[in-house]
């Protein structure tokens, strides 16, 4: 009888390797790292994309995921604006907040969902344009808040939210542009 030259692997070692391999091979983390380093807010990009499950594994899904993060934040900010309108007792602040709601509403309901769908079809230029427009709407909202003279805690919180949305739009546009440039 001929002896086999193969070495028998203990079963626990095979199981250990099967469990360890997925942790060692995380190409999406490398992709997230690579893409996020090319954005203006690397930490914000990574904080937005790393917690997603399943983790986006290609540039197209990263861009779509980032646009979805923008949509979530804008939706949350629109809800916050609506709550501020209900609580407002200052007519000038109420008008500014109503203007913000009117700026955010179409972006949340139509524009960004259209941008996400456009990315699925490979229309990245259109998606970047829409996200740039969303950023402009956020800036317009902020100008209205600044001009209203409101300087209470709620307007400061809205300013912080507008800034966060603006930065997320910058990141999303940057991710889309890297996708368009083949990086």
N, C-alpha and C. Protein backbone atom coordinates (compact mmCIF):
# COMPACT_ATOMS: atom_id res chain seq x y z
N UNK A 1 0.80 -1.17 0.00
CA UNK A 1 0.00 0.00 0.00
C UNK A 1 0.86 1.25 0.00
N UNK A 2 0.44 2.21 -0.83
CA UNK A 2 1.18 3.46 -0.96
C UNK A 2 0.67 4.47 0.06
N UNK A 3 1.61 5.14 0.71
CA UNK A 3 1.23 6.16 1.68
C UNK A 3 1.00 7.49 0.97
N UNK A 4 0.03 8.22 1.43
CA UNK A 4 -0.25 9.54 0.86
C UNK A 4 0.74 10.53 1.44
N UNK A 5 1.19 11.42 0.56
CA UNK A 5 2.15 12.43 1.02
C UNK A 5 1.44 13.67 1.59
N UNK A 6 0.13 13.72 1.49
CA UNK A 6 -0.62 14.87 2.02
C UNK A 6 -0.64 14.83 3.54
N UNK A 7 -0.53 15.98 4.14
CA UNK A 7 -0.58 16.10 5.59
C UNK A 7 -2.02 16.33 5.99
N UNK A 8 -2.47 15.61 6.96
CA UNK A 8 -3.84 15.77 7.43
C UNK A 8 -3.95 17.05 8.24
N UNK A 9 -5.00 17.83 7.97
CA UNK A 9 -5.23 19.07 8.69
C UNK A 9 -6.25 18.80 9.79
N UNK A 10 -5.90 19.18 11.02
CA UNK A 10 -6.86 18.98 12.09
C UNK A 10 -8.16 19.76 11.78
N UNK A 11 -9.31 19.19 12.12
CA UNK A 11 -10.59 19.83 11.79
C UNK A 11 -10.75 21.23 12.38
N UNK A 12 -10.24 21.45 13.58
CA UNK A 12 -10.39 22.78 14.18
C UNK A 12 -9.59 23.83 13.42
N UNK A 13 -8.44 23.43 12.83
CA UNK A 13 -7.64 24.37 12.04
C UNK A 13 -8.38 24.74 10.76
N UNK A 14 -9.03 23.79 10.12
CA UNK A 14 -9.82 24.07 8.92
C UNK A 14 -10.95 25.03 9.23
N UNK A 15 -11.63 24.78 10.34
CA UNK A 15 -12.73 25.65 10.74
C UNK A 15 -12.21 27.05 11.04
N UNK A 16 -11.09 27.14 11.73
CA UNK A 16 -10.48 28.43 12.06
C UNK A 16 -10.15 29.19 10.79
N UNK A 17 -9.55 28.52 9.81
CA UNK A 17 -9.19 29.18 8.55
C UNK A 17 -10.44 29.63 7.79
N UNK A 18 -11.48 28.82 7.80
CA UNK A 18 -12.73 29.20 7.12
C UNK A 18 -13.35 30.45 7.75
N UNK A 19 -13.23 30.58 9.06
CA UNK A 19 -13.78 31.74 9.74
C UNK A 19 -12.88 32.97 9.59
N UNK A 20 -11.57 32.75 9.49
CA UNK A 20 -10.63 33.84 9.43
C UNK A 20 -10.49 34.44 8.03
N UNK A 21 -10.60 33.62 7.00
CA UNK A 21 -10.40 34.11 5.63
C UNK A 21 -11.28 35.29 5.25
N UNK A 22 -12.56 35.27 5.54
CA UNK A 22 -13.37 36.44 5.18
C UNK A 22 -12.92 37.72 5.88
N UNK A 23 -12.37 37.59 7.08
CA UNK A 23 -11.89 38.77 7.79
C UNK A 23 -10.60 39.30 7.19
N UNK A 24 -9.77 38.40 6.69
CA UNK A 24 -8.51 38.82 6.09
C UNK A 24 -8.71 39.45 4.72
N UNK A 25 -9.64 38.94 3.97
CA UNK A 25 -9.86 39.43 2.61
C UNK A 25 -11.06 40.37 2.61
N UNK A 26 -10.81 41.63 2.85
CA UNK A 26 -11.88 42.61 2.84
C UNK A 26 -11.60 43.68 1.78
N UNK A 27 -11.82 43.32 0.51
CA UNK A 27 -11.52 44.27 -0.54
C UNK A 27 -12.38 45.53 -0.47
N UNK A 28 -13.60 45.41 0.08
CA UNK A 28 -14.45 46.59 0.15
C UNK A 28 -13.86 47.63 1.09
N UNK A 29 -13.20 47.17 2.18
CA UNK A 29 -12.55 48.13 3.07
C UNK A 29 -11.43 48.86 2.35
N UNK A 30 -10.66 48.13 1.55
CA UNK A 30 -9.60 48.77 0.78
C UNK A 30 -10.19 49.75 -0.22
N UNK A 31 -11.28 49.38 -0.85
CA UNK A 31 -11.94 50.25 -1.81
C UNK A 31 -12.51 51.48 -1.10
N UNK A 32 -13.15 51.28 0.03
CA UNK A 32 -13.67 52.41 0.79
C UNK A 32 -12.53 53.35 1.17
N UNK A 33 -11.44 52.78 1.64
CA UNK A 33 -10.28 53.58 2.02
C UNK A 33 -9.76 54.37 0.82
N UNK A 34 -9.60 53.70 -0.30
CA UNK A 34 -9.07 54.33 -1.51
C UNK A 34 -9.99 55.45 -2.01
N UNK A 35 -11.28 55.17 -2.10
CA UNK A 35 -12.24 56.15 -2.60
C UNK A 35 -12.36 57.32 -1.62
N UNK A 36 -12.47 57.02 -0.33
CA UNK A 36 -12.67 58.08 0.67
C UNK A 36 -11.47 59.02 0.77
N UNK A 37 -10.28 58.50 0.56
CA UNK A 37 -9.09 59.36 0.62
C UNK A 37 -9.10 60.40 -0.49
N UNK A 38 -9.85 60.15 -1.55
CA UNK A 38 -9.93 61.09 -2.67
C UNK A 38 -11.05 62.11 -2.49
N UNK A 39 -11.77 62.06 -1.36
CA UNK A 39 -12.88 62.99 -1.13
C UNK A 39 -12.42 64.14 -0.23
N UNK A 40 -13.18 65.24 -0.22
CA UNK A 40 -12.78 66.37 0.62
C UNK A 40 -12.96 66.13 2.12
N UNK A 41 -13.76 65.14 2.49
CA UNK A 41 -14.01 64.83 3.90
C UNK A 41 -13.86 63.33 4.11
N UNK A 42 -12.62 62.87 4.14
CA UNK A 42 -12.31 61.44 4.22
C UNK A 42 -12.98 60.78 5.42
N UNK A 43 -12.88 61.39 6.59
CA UNK A 43 -13.47 60.79 7.80
C UNK A 43 -14.98 60.66 7.69
N UNK A 44 -15.62 61.68 7.14
CA UNK A 44 -17.07 61.64 6.96
C UNK A 44 -17.45 60.54 5.97
N UNK A 45 -16.69 60.41 4.92
CA UNK A 45 -16.92 59.37 3.92
C UNK A 45 -16.82 57.98 4.56
N UNK A 46 -15.74 57.75 5.29
CA UNK A 46 -15.55 56.45 5.93
C UNK A 46 -16.62 56.18 6.98
N UNK A 47 -16.96 57.20 7.77
CA UNK A 47 -17.98 57.02 8.80
C UNK A 47 -19.34 56.72 8.17
N UNK A 48 -19.57 57.20 6.97
CA UNK A 48 -20.84 56.96 6.28
C UNK A 48 -20.90 55.59 5.63
N UNK A 49 -19.79 55.12 5.10
CA UNK A 49 -19.79 53.89 4.31
C UNK A 49 -19.41 52.63 5.08
N UNK A 50 -18.51 52.72 6.03
CA UNK A 50 -18.04 51.51 6.72
C UNK A 50 -19.13 50.76 7.49
N UNK A 51 -20.06 51.46 8.14
CA UNK A 51 -21.08 50.72 8.91
C UNK A 51 -22.12 49.99 8.05
N UNK A 52 -22.15 50.25 6.75
CA UNK A 52 -23.19 49.66 5.91
C UNK A 52 -23.02 48.15 5.81
N UNK A 53 -24.14 47.45 5.91
CA UNK A 53 -24.15 46.00 5.78
C UNK A 53 -25.19 45.62 4.75
N UNK A 54 -24.83 44.91 3.71
CA UNK A 54 -23.48 44.49 3.39
C UNK A 54 -22.65 45.67 2.91
N UNK A 55 -21.37 45.55 3.10
CA UNK A 55 -20.46 46.62 2.72
C UNK A 55 -20.41 46.75 1.19
N UNK A 56 -20.53 47.97 0.67
CA UNK A 56 -20.44 48.15 -0.79
C UNK A 56 -19.11 47.60 -1.30
N UNK A 57 -19.16 46.83 -2.38
CA UNK A 57 -17.96 46.12 -2.81
C UNK A 57 -17.38 46.63 -4.13
N UNK A 58 -18.03 47.60 -4.76
CA UNK A 58 -17.51 48.14 -6.01
C UNK A 58 -17.80 49.63 -6.04
N UNK A 59 -17.10 50.38 -6.89
CA UNK A 59 -17.28 51.84 -6.91
C UNK A 59 -18.72 52.28 -7.17
N UNK A 60 -19.43 51.58 -8.03
CA UNK A 60 -20.81 51.94 -8.35
C UNK A 60 -21.70 51.80 -7.12
N UNK A 61 -21.55 50.72 -6.37
CA UNK A 61 -22.37 50.55 -5.17
C UNK A 61 -21.95 51.52 -4.07
N UNK A 62 -20.67 51.91 -4.04
CA UNK A 62 -20.23 52.92 -3.08
C UNK A 62 -20.89 54.27 -3.38
N UNK A 63 -20.91 54.64 -4.64
CA UNK A 63 -21.53 55.92 -5.04
C UNK A 63 -23.01 55.91 -4.71
N UNK A 64 -23.68 54.83 -5.02
CA UNK A 64 -25.11 54.71 -4.73
C UNK A 64 -25.36 54.74 -3.22
N UNK A 65 -24.51 54.06 -2.46
CA UNK A 65 -24.65 54.05 -1.00
C UNK A 65 -24.45 55.45 -0.44
N UNK A 66 -23.50 56.19 -0.98
CA UNK A 66 -23.24 57.55 -0.49
C UNK A 66 -24.43 58.45 -0.79
N UNK A 67 -25.02 58.31 -1.97
CA UNK A 67 -26.22 59.09 -2.31
C UNK A 67 -27.37 58.73 -1.38
N UNK A 68 -27.46 57.46 -1.01
CA UNK A 68 -28.50 57.02 -0.08
C UNK A 68 -28.28 57.63 1.30
N UNK A 69 -27.03 57.77 1.71
CA UNK A 69 -26.71 58.43 2.98
C UNK A 69 -27.14 59.90 2.93
N UNK A 70 -26.87 60.56 1.79
CA UNK A 70 -27.30 61.95 1.62
C UNK A 70 -28.83 62.03 1.74
N UNK A 71 -29.52 61.14 1.06
CA UNK A 71 -30.99 61.13 1.10
C UNK A 71 -31.49 60.95 2.54
N UNK A 72 -30.90 60.04 3.27
CA UNK A 72 -31.30 59.82 4.66
C UNK A 72 -31.10 61.05 5.52
N UNK A 73 -29.98 61.72 5.34
CA UNK A 73 -29.70 62.92 6.13
C UNK A 73 -30.60 64.08 5.75
N UNK A 74 -30.86 64.22 4.45
CA UNK A 74 -31.76 65.29 4.01
C UNK A 74 -33.19 65.02 4.49
N UNK A 75 -33.60 63.78 4.46
CA UNK A 75 -34.94 63.41 4.94
C UNK A 75 -35.06 63.73 6.43
N UNK A 76 -34.05 63.37 7.19
CA UNK A 76 -34.03 63.65 8.62
C UNK A 76 -34.05 65.15 8.88
N UNK A 77 -33.28 65.91 8.10
CA UNK A 77 -33.23 67.36 8.27
C UNK A 77 -34.57 67.99 7.91
N UNK A 78 -35.22 67.50 6.86
CA UNK A 78 -36.55 67.99 6.51
C UNK A 78 -37.53 67.76 7.66
N UNK A 79 -37.47 66.60 8.28
CA UNK A 79 -38.32 66.33 9.45
C UNK A 79 -38.03 67.28 10.59
N UNK A 80 -36.76 67.58 10.78
CA UNK A 80 -36.36 68.52 11.83
C UNK A 80 -36.90 69.92 11.53
N UNK A 81 -36.79 70.33 10.27
CA UNK A 81 -37.31 71.65 9.86
C UNK A 81 -38.82 71.72 10.12
N UNK A 82 -39.54 70.68 9.77
CA UNK A 82 -40.99 70.66 9.99
C UNK A 82 -41.32 70.78 11.48
N UNK A 83 -40.52 70.12 12.32
CA UNK A 83 -40.78 70.21 13.76
C UNK A 83 -40.48 71.62 14.27
N UNK A 84 -39.47 72.27 13.72
CA UNK A 84 -39.16 73.65 14.11
C UNK A 84 -40.28 74.61 13.69
N UNK A 85 -40.86 74.37 12.52
CA UNK A 85 -41.97 75.21 12.07
C UNK A 85 -43.13 75.12 13.06
N UNK A 86 -43.43 73.91 13.50
CA UNK A 86 -44.54 73.71 14.45
C UNK A 86 -44.28 74.42 15.77
N UNK A 87 -43.02 74.50 16.18
CA UNK A 87 -42.68 75.10 17.47
C UNK A 87 -42.37 76.59 17.41
N UNK A 88 -42.24 77.13 16.21
CA UNK A 88 -41.81 78.52 16.05
C UNK A 88 -42.90 79.51 16.46
N UNK A 89 -42.44 80.58 17.11
CA UNK A 89 -43.34 81.67 17.49
C UNK A 89 -42.89 82.98 16.84
N UNK A 90 -41.79 82.92 16.10
CA UNK A 90 -41.24 84.10 15.45
C UNK A 90 -41.61 84.05 13.96
N UNK A 91 -42.39 85.02 13.49
CA UNK A 91 -42.83 84.99 12.09
C UNK A 91 -41.68 84.97 11.07
N UNK A 92 -40.61 85.72 11.32
CA UNK A 92 -39.48 85.75 10.38
C UNK A 92 -38.79 84.38 10.35
N UNK A 93 -38.60 83.79 11.50
CA UNK A 93 -37.97 82.46 11.56
C UNK A 93 -38.88 81.42 10.92
N UNK A 94 -40.17 81.55 11.16
CA UNK A 94 -41.12 80.60 10.57
C UNK A 94 -41.10 80.67 9.04
N UNK A 95 -41.02 81.88 8.49
CA UNK A 95 -40.94 82.04 7.02
C UNK A 95 -39.65 81.41 6.48
N UNK A 96 -38.55 81.64 7.16
CA UNK A 96 -37.27 81.07 6.73
C UNK A 96 -37.31 79.55 6.78
N UNK A 97 -37.90 79.02 7.82
CA UNK A 97 -38.02 77.57 7.95
C UNK A 97 -38.94 76.98 6.89
N UNK A 98 -40.04 77.67 6.61
CA UNK A 98 -40.95 77.21 5.56
C UNK A 98 -40.25 77.21 4.21
N UNK A 99 -39.41 78.22 3.97
CA UNK A 99 -38.64 78.26 2.73
C UNK A 99 -37.68 77.06 2.67
N UNK A 100 -37.04 76.75 3.79
CA UNK A 100 -36.14 75.59 3.83
C UNK A 100 -36.90 74.31 3.51
N UNK A 101 -38.08 74.18 4.09
CA UNK A 101 -38.88 72.98 3.82
C UNK A 101 -39.22 72.88 2.34
N UNK A 102 -39.55 74.01 1.73
CA UNK A 102 -39.88 74.02 0.30
C UNK A 102 -38.65 73.70 -0.56
N UNK A 103 -37.48 74.05 -0.09
CA UNK A 103 -36.25 73.73 -0.82
C UNK A 103 -35.88 72.25 -0.67
N UNK A 104 -36.05 71.73 0.53
CA UNK A 104 -35.67 70.34 0.80
C UNK A 104 -36.65 69.33 0.21
N UNK A 105 -37.94 69.65 0.28
CA UNK A 105 -38.98 68.67 -0.07
C UNK A 105 -38.78 68.04 -1.46
N UNK A 106 -38.64 68.80 -2.56
CA UNK A 106 -38.49 68.15 -3.87
C UNK A 106 -37.18 67.38 -4.00
N UNK A 107 -36.15 67.84 -3.31
CA UNK A 107 -34.87 67.14 -3.36
C UNK A 107 -35.01 65.76 -2.73
N UNK A 108 -35.70 65.72 -1.58
CA UNK A 108 -35.88 64.46 -0.86
C UNK A 108 -36.85 63.53 -1.60
N UNK A 109 -37.93 64.07 -2.07
CA UNK A 109 -38.98 63.23 -2.67
C UNK A 109 -38.66 62.80 -4.10
N UNK A 110 -37.99 63.65 -4.86
CA UNK A 110 -37.81 63.36 -6.28
C UNK A 110 -36.35 63.32 -6.73
N UNK A 111 -35.61 64.39 -6.44
CA UNK A 111 -34.29 64.56 -7.06
C UNK A 111 -33.28 63.48 -6.68
N UNK A 112 -33.06 63.29 -5.40
CA UNK A 112 -32.05 62.30 -5.00
C UNK A 112 -32.49 60.88 -5.35
N UNK A 113 -33.76 60.51 -5.15
CA UNK A 113 -34.14 59.18 -5.65
C UNK A 113 -33.89 59.01 -7.16
N UNK A 114 -34.09 60.09 -7.93
CA UNK A 114 -33.78 60.03 -9.36
C UNK A 114 -32.28 59.87 -9.59
N UNK A 115 -31.47 60.52 -8.78
CA UNK A 115 -30.01 60.40 -8.90
C UNK A 115 -29.57 58.97 -8.59
N UNK A 116 -30.15 58.36 -7.58
CA UNK A 116 -29.80 56.98 -7.22
C UNK A 116 -30.19 56.05 -8.36
N UNK A 117 -31.35 56.25 -8.92
CA UNK A 117 -31.79 55.44 -10.07
C UNK A 117 -30.89 55.69 -11.28
N UNK A 118 -30.48 56.92 -11.49
CA UNK A 118 -29.59 57.23 -12.62
C UNK A 118 -28.26 56.50 -12.47
N UNK A 119 -27.76 56.39 -11.25
CA UNK A 119 -26.50 55.65 -11.03
C UNK A 119 -26.66 54.19 -11.39
N UNK A 120 -27.81 53.62 -11.09
CA UNK A 120 -28.05 52.21 -11.45
C UNK A 120 -27.99 52.03 -12.96
N UNK A 121 -28.38 53.08 -13.70
CA UNK A 121 -28.36 53.02 -15.16
C UNK A 121 -27.01 53.46 -15.73
N UNK A 122 -26.10 53.88 -14.87
CA UNK A 122 -24.78 54.31 -15.32
C UNK A 122 -24.72 55.77 -15.74
N UNK A 123 -25.73 56.55 -15.38
CA UNK A 123 -25.78 57.98 -15.72
C UNK A 123 -25.18 58.80 -14.57
N UNK A 124 -23.86 58.70 -14.42
CA UNK A 124 -23.19 59.30 -13.28
C UNK A 124 -23.12 60.82 -13.35
N UNK A 125 -23.01 61.37 -14.56
CA UNK A 125 -22.98 62.82 -14.71
C UNK A 125 -24.27 63.45 -14.21
N UNK A 126 -25.40 62.84 -14.55
CA UNK A 126 -26.69 63.35 -14.09
C UNK A 126 -26.78 63.26 -12.57
N UNK A 127 -26.33 62.15 -12.01
CA UNK A 127 -26.39 61.96 -10.56
C UNK A 127 -25.54 63.02 -9.85
N UNK A 128 -24.35 63.30 -10.38
CA UNK A 128 -23.49 64.32 -9.78
C UNK A 128 -24.14 65.70 -9.87
N UNK A 129 -24.78 65.97 -10.99
CA UNK A 129 -25.48 67.25 -11.16
C UNK A 129 -26.60 67.40 -10.12
N UNK A 130 -27.39 66.36 -9.94
CA UNK A 130 -28.50 66.40 -8.99
C UNK A 130 -27.98 66.61 -7.57
N UNK A 131 -26.92 65.93 -7.21
CA UNK A 131 -26.36 66.09 -5.87
C UNK A 131 -25.78 67.49 -5.68
N UNK A 132 -25.21 68.05 -6.75
CA UNK A 132 -24.74 69.44 -6.70
C UNK A 132 -25.90 70.39 -6.48
N UNK A 133 -27.03 70.12 -7.13
CA UNK A 133 -28.22 70.95 -6.94
C UNK A 133 -28.74 70.81 -5.51
N UNK A 134 -28.70 69.61 -4.96
CA UNK A 134 -29.12 69.40 -3.57
C UNK A 134 -28.26 70.25 -2.63
N UNK A 135 -26.99 70.31 -2.93
CA UNK A 135 -26.07 71.11 -2.13
C UNK A 135 -26.45 72.60 -2.21
N UNK A 136 -26.83 73.06 -3.41
CA UNK A 136 -27.24 74.46 -3.58
C UNK A 136 -28.52 74.76 -2.81
N UNK A 137 -29.45 73.81 -2.77
CA UNK A 137 -30.69 74.00 -2.03
C UNK A 137 -30.39 74.12 -0.54
N UNK A 138 -29.43 73.35 -0.06
CA UNK A 138 -29.02 73.43 1.34
C UNK A 138 -28.43 74.80 1.63
N UNK A 139 -27.59 75.29 0.71
CA UNK A 139 -27.01 76.63 0.88
C UNK A 139 -28.09 77.72 0.89
N UNK A 140 -29.08 77.58 0.02
CA UNK A 140 -30.18 78.55 -0.01
C UNK A 140 -30.97 78.54 1.29
N UNK A 141 -31.20 77.37 1.81
CA UNK A 141 -31.88 77.24 3.11
C UNK A 141 -31.08 77.97 4.17
N UNK A 142 -29.78 77.74 4.19
CA UNK A 142 -28.93 78.34 5.21
C UNK A 142 -28.91 79.86 5.09
N UNK A 143 -28.88 80.38 3.87
CA UNK A 143 -28.91 81.84 3.69
C UNK A 143 -30.19 82.43 4.25
N UNK A 144 -31.31 81.74 4.02
CA UNK A 144 -32.59 82.21 4.56
C UNK A 144 -32.58 82.21 6.08
N UNK A 145 -32.01 81.19 6.68
CA UNK A 145 -31.92 81.12 8.14
C UNK A 145 -31.03 82.26 8.66
N UNK A 146 -29.90 82.47 8.00
CA UNK A 146 -28.99 83.54 8.41
C UNK A 146 -29.66 84.91 8.31
N UNK A 147 -30.44 85.12 7.24
CA UNK A 147 -31.10 86.41 7.02
C UNK A 147 -32.31 86.63 7.92
N UNK A 148 -32.83 85.57 8.53
CA UNK A 148 -34.01 85.70 9.39
C UNK A 148 -33.69 86.34 10.73
N UNK A 149 -32.41 86.34 11.07
CA UNK A 149 -32.01 86.92 12.35
C UNK A 149 -32.14 85.97 13.52
N UNK A 150 -32.60 84.76 13.26
CA UNK A 150 -32.74 83.78 14.34
C UNK A 150 -31.36 83.30 14.76
N UNK A 151 -31.13 83.26 16.06
CA UNK A 151 -29.84 82.78 16.55
C UNK A 151 -30.02 81.90 17.79
N UNK A 152 -31.16 81.25 17.87
CA UNK A 152 -31.41 80.37 19.00
C UNK A 152 -30.76 79.01 18.76
N UNK A 153 -30.91 78.12 19.73
CA UNK A 153 -30.28 76.80 19.65
C UNK A 153 -30.79 76.00 18.45
N UNK A 154 -32.08 76.13 18.14
CA UNK A 154 -32.63 75.34 17.03
C UNK A 154 -32.07 75.81 15.68
N UNK A 155 -31.86 77.11 15.52
CA UNK A 155 -31.27 77.57 14.25
C UNK A 155 -29.80 77.17 14.15
N UNK A 156 -29.11 77.13 15.29
CA UNK A 156 -27.73 76.64 15.29
C UNK A 156 -27.66 75.16 14.94
N UNK A 157 -28.64 74.41 15.46
CA UNK A 157 -28.69 72.98 15.14
C UNK A 157 -29.01 72.78 13.66
N UNK A 158 -29.90 73.59 13.11
CA UNK A 158 -30.20 73.49 11.68
C UNK A 158 -28.98 73.87 10.85
N UNK A 159 -28.24 74.86 11.29
CA UNK A 159 -27.00 75.25 10.59
C UNK A 159 -26.03 74.07 10.57
N UNK A 160 -25.90 73.38 11.69
CA UNK A 160 -25.01 72.21 11.74
C UNK A 160 -25.52 71.11 10.81
N UNK A 161 -26.83 70.89 10.78
CA UNK A 161 -27.40 69.87 9.89
C UNK A 161 -27.19 70.24 8.43
N UNK A 162 -27.41 71.52 8.09
CA UNK A 162 -27.18 71.96 6.70
C UNK A 162 -25.72 71.76 6.30
N UNK A 163 -24.82 72.05 7.21
CA UNK A 163 -23.40 71.87 6.92
C UNK A 163 -23.08 70.39 6.70
N UNK A 164 -23.65 69.54 7.54
CA UNK A 164 -23.41 68.09 7.40
C UNK A 164 -23.95 67.59 6.05
N UNK A 165 -25.15 68.03 5.68
CA UNK A 165 -25.72 67.62 4.39
C UNK A 165 -24.85 68.12 3.25
N UNK A 166 -24.40 69.36 3.35
CA UNK A 166 -23.54 69.94 2.31
C UNK A 166 -22.25 69.11 2.17
N UNK A 167 -21.64 68.78 3.29
CA UNK A 167 -20.41 67.99 3.26
C UNK A 167 -20.66 66.60 2.69
N UNK A 168 -21.79 65.99 3.05
CA UNK A 168 -22.14 64.67 2.50
C UNK A 168 -22.34 64.75 0.99
N UNK A 169 -22.96 65.83 0.52
CA UNK A 169 -23.11 66.03 -0.93
C UNK A 169 -21.74 66.13 -1.60
N UNK A 170 -20.83 66.89 -0.97
CA UNK A 170 -19.46 67.00 -1.52
C UNK A 170 -18.80 65.63 -1.63
N UNK A 171 -18.96 64.83 -0.59
CA UNK A 171 -18.37 63.49 -0.59
C UNK A 171 -19.01 62.64 -1.69
N UNK A 172 -20.34 62.66 -1.77
CA UNK A 172 -21.04 61.85 -2.78
C UNK A 172 -20.62 62.25 -4.19
N UNK A 173 -20.54 63.54 -4.45
CA UNK A 173 -20.11 64.02 -5.77
C UNK A 173 -18.69 63.57 -6.06
N UNK A 174 -17.84 63.64 -5.07
CA UNK A 174 -16.45 63.22 -5.24
C UNK A 174 -16.35 61.72 -5.54
N UNK A 175 -17.16 60.92 -4.84
CA UNK A 175 -17.17 59.47 -5.08
C UNK A 175 -17.64 59.20 -6.52
N UNK A 176 -18.69 59.91 -6.95
CA UNK A 176 -19.20 59.72 -8.31
C UNK A 176 -18.14 60.13 -9.34
N UNK A 177 -17.47 61.24 -9.09
CA UNK A 177 -16.43 61.69 -10.03
C UNK A 177 -15.28 60.70 -10.10
N UNK A 178 -14.91 60.09 -8.95
CA UNK A 178 -13.86 59.07 -9.03
C UNK A 178 -14.31 57.88 -9.82
N UNK A 179 -15.59 57.54 -9.71
CA UNK A 179 -16.15 56.45 -10.50
C UNK A 179 -16.11 56.81 -11.98
N UNK A 180 -16.48 58.03 -12.31
CA UNK A 180 -16.47 58.47 -13.70
C UNK A 180 -15.06 58.49 -14.29
N UNK A 181 -14.06 58.78 -13.42
CA UNK A 181 -12.67 58.82 -13.86
C UNK A 181 -11.98 57.46 -13.80
N UNK A 182 -12.73 56.45 -13.40
CA UNK A 182 -12.18 55.09 -13.38
C UNK A 182 -11.23 54.81 -12.25
N UNK A 183 -11.31 55.53 -11.14
CA UNK A 183 -10.41 55.28 -10.02
C UNK A 183 -10.96 54.25 -9.10
